[in-house]
Amino acid sequence: MKTRHNEILIYYNPENSAHRKVVAYAQSLVPHVKAYAFDKAFATGRIWQEILKALQLRPKDLLNKAHPYYQEHIRGCDFDEECWLKVLRKNPDLMKAPIALRGGQAVLCNNATDIYKLTSAGLVAT
């Protein structure tokens, strides 16, 4: 999933203050930020697959394993990748962190400052 170099796409939970902080940091970096709530953003498994490929993560890696719903209903389950994608699509509130995309790169923003990994000439600052 590609975006323009002067644009950052963020998928996040607008009810979470730490997630909103990531959006605010992004808005300080580039003139164009598109922020989408997890529960309204992803319509297809294909989009999830593209994002997961850019993140180099598995669907399971995006889930907040401390969330009560995860603990009660999902913990210990051994799903295939397609089933984990369904869990993500049906339970966006289980996402542990916002996902930011710029150019052809993506970052899981466990901390608000992780957004800076998408900045500068090569898009990535370490």
Foldseek 3Di string as FASTA:
>chain_A
DFDAQQEKEKEEAVVDPQQVLLVVVVVVAHVYYHYHYQLPPDDDLVVVVLLCVQAVHALVVQFDCVDPCCVVPPPPDDDDRVVSSVCCNVCVVRGQAMWMHHGSHIHGCNGSCSCQCQDDDVRGDD
